[in-house]
Amino acid sequence: MDNIVEIKDLVFEYKDEETGESLRVLDGVSLHIERGEFLAVLGRNGSGKSTLAKHMNAILTPASGTVLVDGIDTSDESRLFDVRRRVGMVFQNPDNQMVATIVEEDVAFAPENLGVPREEIRRRVDETLDIVGMSAFKQHAPHMLSGGQKQRVAIAGALAMRPELLVMDEPTAMLDPGGRAEVIETVKKLNREGGMTVALITHYMDEAVRADRVIVIDNGRIALEGKPREVFSQVEKLISLGLDVPQSTYLIHMLSEKIPGLDKTVLNDEECAAELLRAMGIKKEARP
């Protein structure tokens, strides 16, 4: 097993400014992320999922325990640059990551700070904008773009660093359904066709079902872990943790009380329809 991230017994605390008390946000989290994997991280607000994400590129470092990125201890300040070259971050609000007045200049910003040669920067800018489908907008002003387009530019900026892992902290939370679809399609393409390792922190279940593996964080600990079908079939458990489940999964779960034998692991509308037709003894007709 080749892991890009290995987290062992991670504990993180911060001090409440009003009371002076230490509050534990992550409480003994152990986790690995394999190279080429698409991992989704779920959890209600305040569960610790964003704090976990920030440990993956040393924005935060453990109070105790270890976080290794490609074998590098993130607590080693002398290797901070090496960690951040390996881990690209995309945050919730793309406006907070825009630093230039032209799209291509924004994408070039991080490689320029790394001292990458001009010719290589040009190649990276063109390549990453093409990957995220934004080549036609390279001369546009970022503030004139839609939310989904801005987020794709932010992804291009992260990719221009040539990271081995792309960590995305609720990148679609501020987007409309169309923008969300744009971003998730881009991420899935990067993972499926480009082999990019992705850790997606999200509260949208329809995004998480597309991952290879799902973990659920609750009160700073991993409460559930497994493939999407394994995790989302535990409807009652997820609801008790304050989370939703895919609508199709929930529908089958409710109907199973009246119709025994339904497959409770369905994840989308198409699977739900097929399962209901099967239960009714109706064969789905092939499309001409």
C-alpha atoms as a PDB file:
ATOM      1  CA  MET A   1       0.000   0.000   0.000  1.00  0.00           C
ATOM      2  CA  ASP A   2       1.459   3.368  -1.088  1.00  0.00           C
ATOM      3  CA  ASN A   3       0.136   6.183   1.087  1.00  0.00           C
ATOM      4  CA  ILE A   4       0.595   9.888   0.375  1.00  0.00           C
ATOM      5  CA  VAL A   5      -0.777  10.803   3.841  1.00  0.00           C
ATOM      6  CA  GLU A   6      -0.441   8.878   7.098  1.00  0.00           C
ATOM      7  CA  ILE A   7      -2.060  10.310  10.226  1.00  0.00           C
ATOM      8  CA  LYS A   8      -1.537   8.626  13.589  1.00  0.00           C
ATOM      9  CA  ASP A   9      -3.296   9.515  16.864  1.00  0.00           C
ATOM     10  CA  LEU A  10      -3.740  13.151  15.834  1.00  0.00           C
ATOM     11  CA  VAL A  11      -4.833  15.485  18.625  1.00  0.00           C
ATOM     12  CA  PHE A  12      -5.428  19.194  18.108  1.00  0.00           C
ATOM     13  CA  GLU A  13      -6.563  21.738  20.670  1.00  0.00           C
ATOM     14  CA  TYR A  14      -7.040  25.473  20.770  1.00  0.00           C
ATOM     15  CA  LYS A  15      -7.537  27.853  23.660  1.00  0.00           C
ATOM     16  CA  ASP A  16     -10.890  29.563  24.124  1.00  0.00           C
ATOM     17  CA  GLU A  17     -10.117  33.294  24.255  1.00  0.00           C
ATOM     18  CA  GLU A  18     -12.971  34.017  26.655  1.00  0.00           C
ATOM     19  CA  THR A  19     -12.502  31.208  29.185  1.00  0.00           C
ATOM     20  CA  GLY A  20      -8.851  30.324  28.626  1.00  0.00           C
ATOM     21  CA  GLU A  21      -9.805  26.666  28.515  1.00  0.00           C
ATOM     22  CA  SER A  22      -8.295  24.236  26.004  1.00  0.00           C
ATOM     23  CA  LEU A  23     -10.865  22.844  23.586  1.00  0.00           C
ATOM     24  CA  ARG A  24     -10.096  19.587  21.812  1.00  0.00           C
ATOM     25  CA  VAL A  25     -11.095  19.651  18.131  1.00  0.00           C
ATOM     26  CA  LEU A  26      -9.442  16.421  16.980  1.00  0.00           C
ATOM     27  CA  ASP A  27      -9.201  13.567  19.418  1.00  0.00           C
ATOM     28  CA  GLY A  28      -6.901  10.721  18.396  1.00  0.00           C
ATOM     29  CA  VAL A  29      -7.620  10.593  14.647  1.00  0.00           C
ATOM     30  CA  SER A  30      -5.761   7.929  12.651  1.00  0.00           C
ATOM     31  CA  LEU A  31      -6.149   7.907   8.878  1.00  0.00           C
ATOM     32  CA  HIS A  32      -4.292   7.119   5.669  1.00  0.00           C
ATOM     33  CA  ILE A  33      -4.849   8.344   2.117  1.00  0.00           C
ATOM     34  CA  GLU A  34      -3.582   6.193  -0.736  1.00  0.00           C
ATOM     35  CA  ARG A  35      -2.012   7.693  -3.834  1.00  0.00           C
ATOM     36  CA  GLY A  36      -4.616   8.093  -6.554  1.00  0.00           C
ATOM     37  CA  GLU A  37      -7.515   7.788  -4.102  1.00  0.00           C
ATOM     38  CA  PHE A  38     -10.591  10.017  -4.002  1.00  0.00           C
ATOM     39  CA  LEU A  39     -11.498  10.416  -0.318  1.00  0.00           C
ATOM     40  CA  ALA A  40     -14.594  12.252   0.905  1.00  0.00           C
ATOM     41  CA  VAL A  41     -14.711  13.615   4.457  1.00  0.00           C
ATOM     42  CA  LEU A  42     -18.125  14.297   6.009  1.00  0.00           C
ATOM     43  CA  GLY A  43     -19.246  15.728   9.319  1.00  0.00           C
ATOM     44  CA  ARG A  44     -21.642  18.224  10.802  1.00  0.00           C
ATOM     45  CA  ASN A  45     -20.487  21.808  11.434  1.00  0.00           C
ATOM     46  CA  GLY A  46     -17.895  21.883  14.184  1.00  0.00           C
ATOM     47  CA  SER A  47     -17.063  18.196  13.858  1.00  0.00           C
ATOM     48  CA  GLY A  48     -13.392  18.849  13.054  1.00  0.00           C
ATOM     49  CA  LYS A  49     -13.324  18.018   9.331  1.00  0.00           C
ATOM     50  CA  SER A  50     -11.894  21.385   8.211  1.00  0.00           C
ATOM     51  CA  THR A  51      -9.343  21.253  11.006  1.00  0.00           C
ATOM     52  CA  LEU A  52      -8.296  17.838   9.721  1.00  0.00           C
ATOM     53  CA  ALA A  53      -7.927  19.252   6.196  1.00  0.00           C
ATOM     54  CA  LYS A  54      -5.634  22.036   7.418  1.00  0.00           C
ATOM     55  CA  HIS A  55      -3.315  19.474   8.995  1.00  0.00           C
ATOM     56  CA  MET A  56      -2.679  17.916   5.597  1.00  0.00           C
ATOM     57  CA  ASN A  57      -0.560  20.822   4.379  1.00  0.00           C
ATOM     58  CA  ALA A  58       0.672  22.072   7.751  1.00  0.00           C
ATOM     59  CA  ILE A  59      -1.563  25.122   8.056  1.00  0.00           C
ATOM     60  CA  LEU A  60      -2.073  23.529  11.475  1.00  0.00           C
ATOM     61  CA  THR A  61       0.220  21.080  13.259  1.00  0.00           C
ATOM     62  CA  PRO A  62      -0.653  18.462  15.891  1.00  0.00           C
ATOM     63  CA  ALA A  63      -0.713  19.032  19.637  1.00  0.00           C
ATOM     64  CA  SER A  64       0.237  15.357  19.732  1.00  0.00           C
ATOM     65  CA  GLY A  65       0.376  12.496  17.271  1.00  0.00           C
ATOM     66  CA  THR A  66       1.877  12.672  13.799  1.00  0.00           C
ATOM     67  CA  VAL A  67       0.913  13.716  10.283  1.00  0.00           C
ATOM     68  CA  LEU A  68       3.204  12.461   7.525  1.00  0.00           C
ATOM     69  CA  VAL A  69       2.903  13.736   3.947  1.00  0.00           C
ATOM     70  CA  ASP A  70       4.928  11.620   1.543  1.00  0.00           C
ATOM     71  CA  GLY A  71       6.919  10.553   4.601  1.00  0.00           C
ATOM     72  CA  ILE A  72       7.577  14.133   5.757  1.00  0.00           C
ATOM     73  CA  ASP A  73       6.542  15.074   9.301  1.00  0.00           C
ATOM     74  CA  THR A  74       4.428  18.239   9.038  1.00  0.00           C
ATOM     75  CA  SER A  75       5.678  19.349  12.465  1.00  0.00           C
ATOM     76  CA  ASP A  76       9.195  19.709  11.049  1.00  0.00           C
ATOM     77  CA  GLU A  77       9.331  23.446  10.303  1.00  0.00           C
ATOM     78  CA  SER A  78      12.399  22.985   8.131  1.00  0.00           C
ATOM     79  CA  ARG A  79      10.302  20.841   5.729  1.00  0.00           C
ATOM     80  CA  LEU A  80       7.245  23.113   5.576  1.00  0.00           C
ATOM     81  CA  PHE A  81       8.018  24.183   2.016  1.00  0.00           C
ATOM     82  CA  ASP A  82       8.348  20.535   0.935  1.00  0.00           C
ATOM     83  CA  VAL A  83       4.968  19.670   2.459  1.00  0.00           C
ATOM     84  CA  ARG A  84       3.157  22.541   0.767  1.00  0.00           C
ATOM     85  CA  ARG A  85       4.666  21.720  -2.602  1.00  0.00           C
ATOM     86  CA  ARG A  86       3.087  18.291  -2.292  1.00  0.00           C
ATOM     87  CA  VAL A  87      -0.339  19.381  -1.063  1.00  0.00           C
ATOM     88  CA  GLY A  88      -2.519  21.886  -2.909  1.00  0.00           C
ATOM     89  CA  MET A  89      -5.398  23.518  -1.032  1.00  0.00           C
ATOM     90  CA  VAL A  90      -8.675  24.860  -2.383  1.00  0.00           C
ATOM     91  CA  PHE A  91     -10.978  26.588   0.087  1.00  0.00           C
ATOM     92  CA  GLN A  92     -14.673  27.378   0.309  1.00  0.00           C
ATOM     93  CA  ASN A  93     -14.551  30.942  -0.991  1.00  0.00           C
ATOM     94  CA  PRO A  94     -12.577  31.288  -4.247  1.00  0.00           C
ATOM     95  CA  ASP A  95     -12.479  35.076  -3.866  1.00  0.00           C
ATOM     96  CA  ASN A  96     -10.127  34.611  -0.909  1.00  0.00           C
ATOM     97  CA  GLN A  97      -7.626  32.870  -3.200  1.00  0.00           C
ATOM     98  CA  MET A  98      -7.689  35.395  -6.042  1.00  0.00           C
ATOM     99  CA  VAL A  99      -4.601  37.620  -5.974  1.00  0.00           C
ATOM    100  CA  ALA A 100      -4.383  39.022  -9.525  1.00  0.00           C
ATOM    101  CA  THR A 101      -6.578  41.007 -11.899  1.00  0.00           C
ATOM    102  CA  ILE A 102      -6.190  38.565 -14.822  1.00  0.00           C
ATOM    103  CA  VAL A 103      -6.979  34.837 -14.687  1.00  0.00           C
ATOM    104  CA  GLU A 104      -3.694  33.615 -16.150  1.00  0.00           C
ATOM    105  CA  GLU A 105      -1.704  35.868 -13.813  1.00  0.00           C
ATOM    106  CA  ASP A 106      -3.602  34.453 -10.858  1.00  0.00           C
ATOM    107  CA  VAL A 107      -2.764  30.883 -11.862  1.00  0.00           C
ATOM    108  CA  ALA A 108       0.887  31.866 -12.370  1.00  0.00           C
ATOM    109  CA  PHE A 109       1.221  33.488  -8.931  1.00  0.00           C
ATOM    110  CA  ALA A 110       2.245  30.425  -6.884  1.00  0.00           C
ATOM    111  CA  PRO A 111       4.772  29.016  -9.404  1.00  0.00           C
ATOM    112  CA  GLU A 112       6.359  32.477  -9.677  1.00  0.00           C
ATOM    113  CA  ASN A 113       6.829  32.517  -5.906  1.00  0.00           C
ATOM    114  CA  LEU A 114       8.488  29.108  -6.168  1.00  0.00           C
ATOM    115  CA  GLY A 115      11.011  30.510  -8.622  1.00  0.00           C
ATOM    116  CA  VAL A 116       9.798  28.342 -11.490  1.00  0.00           C
ATOM    117  CA  PRO A 117      11.357  29.445 -14.832  1.00  0.00           C
ATOM    118  CA  ARG A 118       9.159  31.688 -16.981  1.00  0.00           C
ATOM    119  CA  GLU A 119       8.841  29.164 -19.805  1.00  0.00           C
ATOM    120  CA  GLU A 120       7.726  26.460 -17.383  1.00  0.00           C
ATOM    121  CA  ILE A 121       5.215  28.815 -15.767  1.00  0.00           C
ATOM    122  CA  ARG A 122       3.706  29.541 -19.185  1.00  0.00           C
ATOM    123  CA  ARG A 123       3.380  25.832 -19.847  1.00  0.00           C
ATOM    124  CA  ARG A 124       1.809  25.150 -16.465  1.00  0.00           C
ATOM    125  CA  VAL A 125      -0.687  27.991 -16.778  1.00  0.00           C
ATOM    126  CA  ASP A 126      -1.833  26.850 -20.216  1.00  0.00           C
ATOM    127  CA  GLU A 127      -1.982  23.212 -19.162  1.00  0.00           C
ATOM    128  CA  THR A 128      -3.896  23.695 -15.916  1.00  0.00           C
ATOM    129  CA  LEU A 129      -6.418  26.107 -17.406  1.00  0.00           C
ATOM    130  CA  ASP A 130      -7.038  23.559 -20.138  1.00  0.00           C
ATOM    131  CA  ILE A 131      -7.495  20.799 -17.552  1.00  0.00           C
ATOM    132  CA  VAL A 132     -10.197  22.743 -15.707  1.00  0.00           C
ATOM    133  CA  GLY A 133     -11.843  23.978 -18.896  1.00  0.00           C
ATOM    134  CA  MET A 134     -10.993  27.659 -18.440  1.00  0.00           C
ATOM    135  CA  SER A 135      -8.540  28.303 -21.300  1.00  0.00           C
ATOM    136  CA  ALA A 136     -10.998  30.624 -23.042  1.00  0.00           C
ATOM    137  CA  PHE A 137     -11.046  32.866 -19.955  1.00  0.00           C
ATOM    138  CA  LYS A 138      -7.297  33.312 -19.416  1.00  0.00           C
ATOM    139  CA  GLN A 139      -7.447  37.043 -20.203  1.00  0.00           C
ATOM    140  CA  HIS A 140     -10.622  37.660 -18.200  1.00  0.00           C
ATOM    141  CA  ALA A 141     -10.838  39.446 -14.865  1.00  0.00           C
ATOM    142  CA  PRO A 142     -11.551  36.904 -12.080  1.00  0.00           C
ATOM    143  CA  HIS A 143     -14.221  39.100 -10.492  1.00  0.00           C
ATOM    144  CA  MET A 144     -16.265  38.890 -13.703  1.00  0.00           C
ATOM    145  CA  LEU A 145     -16.512  35.091 -13.557  1.00  0.00           C
ATOM    146  CA  SER A 146     -19.298  32.985 -12.088  1.00  0.00           C
ATOM    147  CA  GLY A 147     -18.764  31.216  -8.765  1.00  0.00           C
ATOM    148  CA  GLY A 148     -18.132  27.872 -10.444  1.00  0.00           C
ATOM    149  CA  GLN A 149     -15.680  29.433 -12.889  1.00  0.00           C
ATOM    150  CA  LYS A 150     -13.803  31.176 -10.059  1.00  0.00           C
ATOM    151  CA  GLN A 151     -13.486  27.916  -8.194  1.00  0.00           C
ATOM    152  CA  ARG A 152     -12.122  26.187 -11.293  1.00  0.00           C
ATOM    153  CA  VAL A 153      -9.517  28.934 -11.587  1.00  0.00           C
ATOM    154  CA  ALA A 154      -8.635  28.371  -7.913  1.00  0.00           C
ATOM    155  CA  ILE A 155      -8.190  24.667  -8.685  1.00  0.00           C
ATOM    156  CA  ALA A 156      -5.951  25.564 -11.635  1.00  0.00           C
ATOM    157  CA  GLY A 157      -3.861  27.733  -9.317  1.00  0.00           C
ATOM    158  CA  ALA A 158      -3.413  24.825  -6.931  1.00  0.00           C
ATOM    159  CA  LEU A 159      -2.584  22.430  -9.785  1.00  0.00           C
ATOM    160  CA  ALA A 160       0.068  24.802 -11.136  1.00  0.00           C
ATOM    161  CA  MET A 161       2.082  23.924  -8.018  1.00  0.00           C
ATOM    162  CA  ARG A 162       2.212  20.316  -9.293  1.00  0.00           C
ATOM    163  CA  PRO A 163       0.899  18.864  -6.016  1.00  0.00           C
ATOM    164  CA  GLU A 164       0.616  15.167  -5.332  1.00  0.00           C
ATOM    165  CA  LEU A 165      -2.530  15.678  -3.241  1.00  0.00           C
ATOM    166  CA  LEU A 166      -5.378  18.132  -3.784  1.00  0.00           C
ATOM    167  CA  VAL A 167      -7.251  18.961  -0.568  1.00  0.00           C
ATOM    168  CA  MET A 168     -10.570  20.736  -1.087  1.00  0.00           C
ATOM    169  CA  ASP A 169     -12.315  22.215   1.941  1.00  0.00           C
ATOM    170  CA  GLU A 170     -16.024  22.555   1.051  1.00  0.00           C
ATOM    171  CA  PRO A 171     -15.214  24.043  -2.378  1.00  0.00           C
ATOM    172  CA  THR A 172     -18.845  24.038  -3.532  1.00  0.00           C
ATOM    173  CA  ALA A 173     -20.516  25.371  -0.376  1.00  0.00           C
ATOM    174  CA  MET A 174     -21.033  28.863  -1.860  1.00  0.00           C
ATOM    175  CA  LEU A 175     -22.034  27.722  -5.354  1.00  0.00           C
ATOM    176  CA  ASP A 176     -25.353  27.158  -7.064  1.00  0.00           C
ATOM    177  CA  PRO A 177     -26.172  23.642  -8.370  1.00  0.00           C
ATOM    178  CA  GLY A 178     -24.674  24.419 -11.783  1.00  0.00           C
ATOM    179  CA  GLY A 179     -21.436  25.683 -10.267  1.00  0.00           C
ATOM    180  CA  ARG A 180     -21.264  22.697  -7.934  1.00  0.00           C
ATOM    181  CA  ALA A 181     -21.621  20.308 -10.868  1.00  0.00           C
ATOM    182  CA  GLU A 182     -18.834  22.129 -12.772  1.00  0.00           C
ATOM    183  CA  VAL A 183     -16.390  21.831  -9.906  1.00  0.00           C
ATOM    184  CA  ILE A 184     -17.128  18.208  -8.995  1.00  0.00           C
ATOM    185  CA  GLU A 185     -16.895  17.102 -12.640  1.00  0.00           C
ATOM    186  CA  THR A 186     -13.506  18.821 -12.818  1.00  0.00           C
ATOM    187  CA  VAL A 187     -12.314  17.130  -9.636  1.00  0.00           C
ATOM    188  CA  LYS A 188     -13.545  13.720 -10.742  1.00  0.00           C
ATOM    189  CA  LYS A 189     -11.784  14.135 -14.093  1.00  0.00           C
ATOM    190  CA  LEU A 190      -8.538  15.044 -12.344  1.00  0.00           C
ATOM    191  CA  ASN A 191      -8.807  11.939 -10.207  1.00  0.00           C
ATOM    192  CA  ARG A 192     -10.069   9.496 -12.835  1.00  0.00           C
ATOM    193  CA  GLU A 193      -8.028  10.594 -15.843  1.00  0.00           C
ATOM    194  CA  GLY A 194      -5.062  12.330 -14.257  1.00  0.00           C
ATOM    195  CA  GLY A 195      -4.525  10.074 -11.250  1.00  0.00           C
ATOM    196  CA  MET A 196      -4.639  13.042  -8.861  1.00  0.00           C
ATOM    197  CA  THR A 197      -5.126  12.110  -5.204  1.00  0.00           C
ATOM    198  CA  VAL A 198      -8.090  14.073  -3.841  1.00  0.00           C
ATOM    199  CA  ALA A 199      -9.391  14.689  -0.319  1.00  0.00           C
ATOM    200  CA  LEU A 200     -12.786  16.410  -0.535  1.00  0.00           C
ATOM    201  CA  ILE A 201     -14.335  17.873   2.599  1.00  0.00           C
ATOM    202  CA  THR A 202     -18.026  18.362   1.886  1.00  0.00           C
ATOM    203  CA  HIS A 203     -21.506  18.322   3.359  1.00  0.00           C
ATOM    204  CA  TYR A 204     -23.169  17.370   0.069  1.00  0.00           C
ATOM    205  CA  MET A 205     -23.960  13.668  -0.011  1.00  0.00           C
ATOM    206  CA  ASP A 206     -24.272  13.544  -3.806  1.00  0.00           C
ATOM    207  CA  GLU A 207     -20.623  14.638  -4.005  1.00  0.00           C
ATOM    208  CA  ALA A 208     -19.448  12.101  -1.451  1.00  0.00           C
ATOM    209  CA  VAL A 209     -21.061   9.143  -3.247  1.00  0.00           C
ATOM    210  CA  ARG A 210     -18.616   9.675  -6.116  1.00  0.00           C
ATOM    211  CA  ALA A 211     -15.595   9.076  -3.901  1.00  0.00           C
ATOM    212  CA  ASP A 212     -13.658   5.835  -3.512  1.00  0.00           C
ATOM    213  CA  ARG A 213     -13.907   6.007   0.266  1.00  0.00           C
ATOM    214  CA  VAL A 214     -15.854   8.048   2.800  1.00  0.00           C
ATOM    215  CA  ILE A 215     -15.023   8.932   6.380  1.00  0.00           C
ATOM    216  CA  VAL A 216     -17.389  10.632   8.808  1.00  0.00           C
ATOM    217  CA  ILE A 217     -15.946  12.839  11.559  1.00  0.00           C
ATOM    218  CA  ASP A 218     -17.953  13.470  14.713  1.00  0.00           C
ATOM    219  CA  ASN A 219     -16.732  15.277  17.820  1.00  0.00           C
ATOM    220  CA  GLY A 220     -13.158  15.082  16.576  1.00  0.00           C
ATOM    221  CA  ARG A 221     -13.152  11.335  15.970  1.00  0.00           C
ATOM    222  CA  ILE A 222     -13.779   9.063  13.011  1.00  0.00           C
ATOM    223  CA  ALA A 223     -17.287   7.693  13.511  1.00  0.00           C
ATOM    224  CA  LEU A 224     -17.696   5.819  10.200  1.00  0.00           C
ATOM    225  CA  GLU A 225     -15.362   4.752   7.409  1.00  0.00           C
ATOM    226  CA  GLY A 226     -15.765   2.681   4.263  1.00  0.00           C
ATOM    227  CA  LYS A 227     -16.835   2.676   0.649  1.00  0.00           C
ATOM    228  CA  PRO A 228     -19.825   4.914  -0.149  1.00  0.00           C
ATOM    229  CA  ARG A 229     -22.257   1.960  -0.271  1.00  0.00           C
ATOM    230  CA  GLU A 230     -21.056   0.745   3.109  1.00  0.00           C
ATOM    231  CA  VAL A 231     -21.315   4.139   4.773  1.00  0.00           C
ATOM    232  CA  PHE A 232     -24.561   5.428   3.271  1.00  0.00           C
ATOM    233  CA  SER A 233     -26.448   2.195   3.887  1.00  0.00           C
ATOM    234  CA  GLN A 234     -26.191   3.080   7.619  1.00  0.00           C
ATOM    235  CA  VAL A 235     -29.027   5.568   7.366  1.00  0.00           C
ATOM    236  CA  GLU A 236     -30.041   5.677  11.024  1.00  0.00           C
ATOM    237  CA  LYS A 237     -26.449   6.088  12.165  1.00  0.00           C
ATOM    238  CA  LEU A 238     -25.843   8.972   9.766  1.00  0.00           C
ATOM    239  CA  ILE A 239     -29.037  10.719  10.834  1.00  0.00           C
ATOM    240  CA  SER A 240     -27.990  10.339  14.475  1.00  0.00           C
ATOM    241  CA  LEU A 241     -24.728  12.077  13.561  1.00  0.00           C
ATOM    242  CA  GLY A 242     -26.663  15.033  12.156  1.00  0.00           C
ATOM    243  CA  LEU A 243     -26.048  14.194   8.499  1.00  0.00           C
ATOM    244  CA  ASP A 244     -28.224  13.656   5.468  1.00  0.00           C
ATOM    245  CA  VAL A 245     -28.086  10.663   3.149  1.00  0.00           C
ATOM    246  CA  PRO A 246     -28.588  10.583  -0.628  1.00  0.00           C
ATOM    247  CA  GLN A 247     -32.298  11.002  -1.380  1.00  0.00           C
ATOM    248  CA  SER A 248     -32.478   7.750  -3.323  1.00  0.00           C
ATOM    249  CA  THR A 249     -30.860   5.862  -0.454  1.00  0.00           C
ATOM    250  CA  TYR A 250     -33.301   7.403   2.024  1.00  0.00           C
ATOM    251  CA  LEU A 251     -36.299   6.553  -0.154  1.00  0.00           C
ATOM    252  CA  ILE A 252     -35.279   2.902  -0.390  1.00  0.00           C
ATOM    253  CA  HIS A 253     -34.633   2.854   3.343  1.00  0.00           C
ATOM    254  CA  MET A 254     -38.159   4.106   4.059  1.00  0.00           C
ATOM    255  CA  LEU A 255     -39.796   1.783   1.528  1.00  0.00           C
ATOM    256  CA  SER A 256     -37.922  -1.217   2.912  1.00  0.00           C
ATOM    257  CA  GLU A 257     -40.219  -1.067   5.940  1.00  0.00           C
ATOM    258  CA  LYS A 258     -43.110  -1.971   3.604  1.00  0.00           C
ATOM    259  CA  ILE A 259     -41.252  -3.883   0.883  1.00  0.00           C
ATOM    260  CA  PRO A 260     -38.902  -6.545   2.297  1.00  0.00           C
ATOM    261  CA  GLY A 261     -35.786  -7.454   0.371  1.00  0.00           C
ATOM    262  CA  LEU A 262     -34.950  -4.057  -1.120  1.00  0.00           C
ATOM    263  CA  ASP A 263     -31.262  -3.375  -1.707  1.00  0.00           C
ATOM    264  CA  LYS A 264     -30.469  -0.596   0.771  1.00  0.00           C
ATOM    265  CA  THR A 265     -27.107   0.222  -0.805  1.00  0.00           C
ATOM    266  CA  VAL A 266     -28.459   2.194  -3.790  1.00  0.00           C
ATOM    267  CA  LEU A 267     -26.782   5.577  -4.202  1.00  0.00           C
ATOM    268  CA  ASN A 268     -28.497   7.415  -7.062  1.00  0.00           C
ATOM    269  CA  ASP A 269     -31.764   7.867  -8.944  1.00  0.00           C
ATOM    270  CA  GLU A 270     -30.946   5.332 -11.634  1.00  0.00           C
ATOM    271  CA  GLU A 271     -30.108   2.601  -9.133  1.00  0.00           C
ATOM    272  CA  CYS A 272     -33.208   3.466  -7.108  1.00  0.00           C
ATOM    273  CA  ALA A 273     -35.486   3.169 -10.152  1.00  0.00           C
ATOM    274  CA  ALA A 274     -33.894  -0.126 -11.174  1.00  0.00           C
ATOM    275  CA  GLU A 275     -34.324  -1.547  -7.681  1.00  0.00           C
ATOM    276  CA  LEU A 276     -37.979  -0.539  -7.479  1.00  0.00           C
ATOM    277  CA  LEU A 277     -38.662  -2.070 -10.895  1.00  0.00           C
ATOM    278  CA  ARG A 278     -36.924  -5.258  -9.776  1.00  0.00           C
ATOM    279  CA  ALA A 279     -38.994  -5.402  -6.596  1.00  0.00           C
ATOM    280  CA  MET A 280     -42.174  -5.047  -8.644  1.00  0.00           C
ATOM    281  CA  GLY A 281     -41.083  -7.747 -11.048  1.00  0.00           C
ATOM    282  CA  ILE A 282     -40.855  -5.339 -13.982  1.00  0.00           C
ATOM    283  CA  LYS A 283     -37.970  -5.716 -16.367  1.00  0.00           C
ATOM    284  CA  LYS A 284     -36.477  -2.463 -17.511  1.00  0.00           C
ATOM    285  CA  GLU A 285     -36.815  -2.123 -21.257  1.00  0.00           C
ATOM    286  CA  ALA A 286     -33.639  -1.534 -23.205  1.00  0.00           C
ATOM    287  CA  ARG A 287     -33.454   1.800 -24.940  1.00  0.00           C
ATOM    288  CA  PRO A 288     -33.600   1.637 -28.756  1.00  0.00           C
END
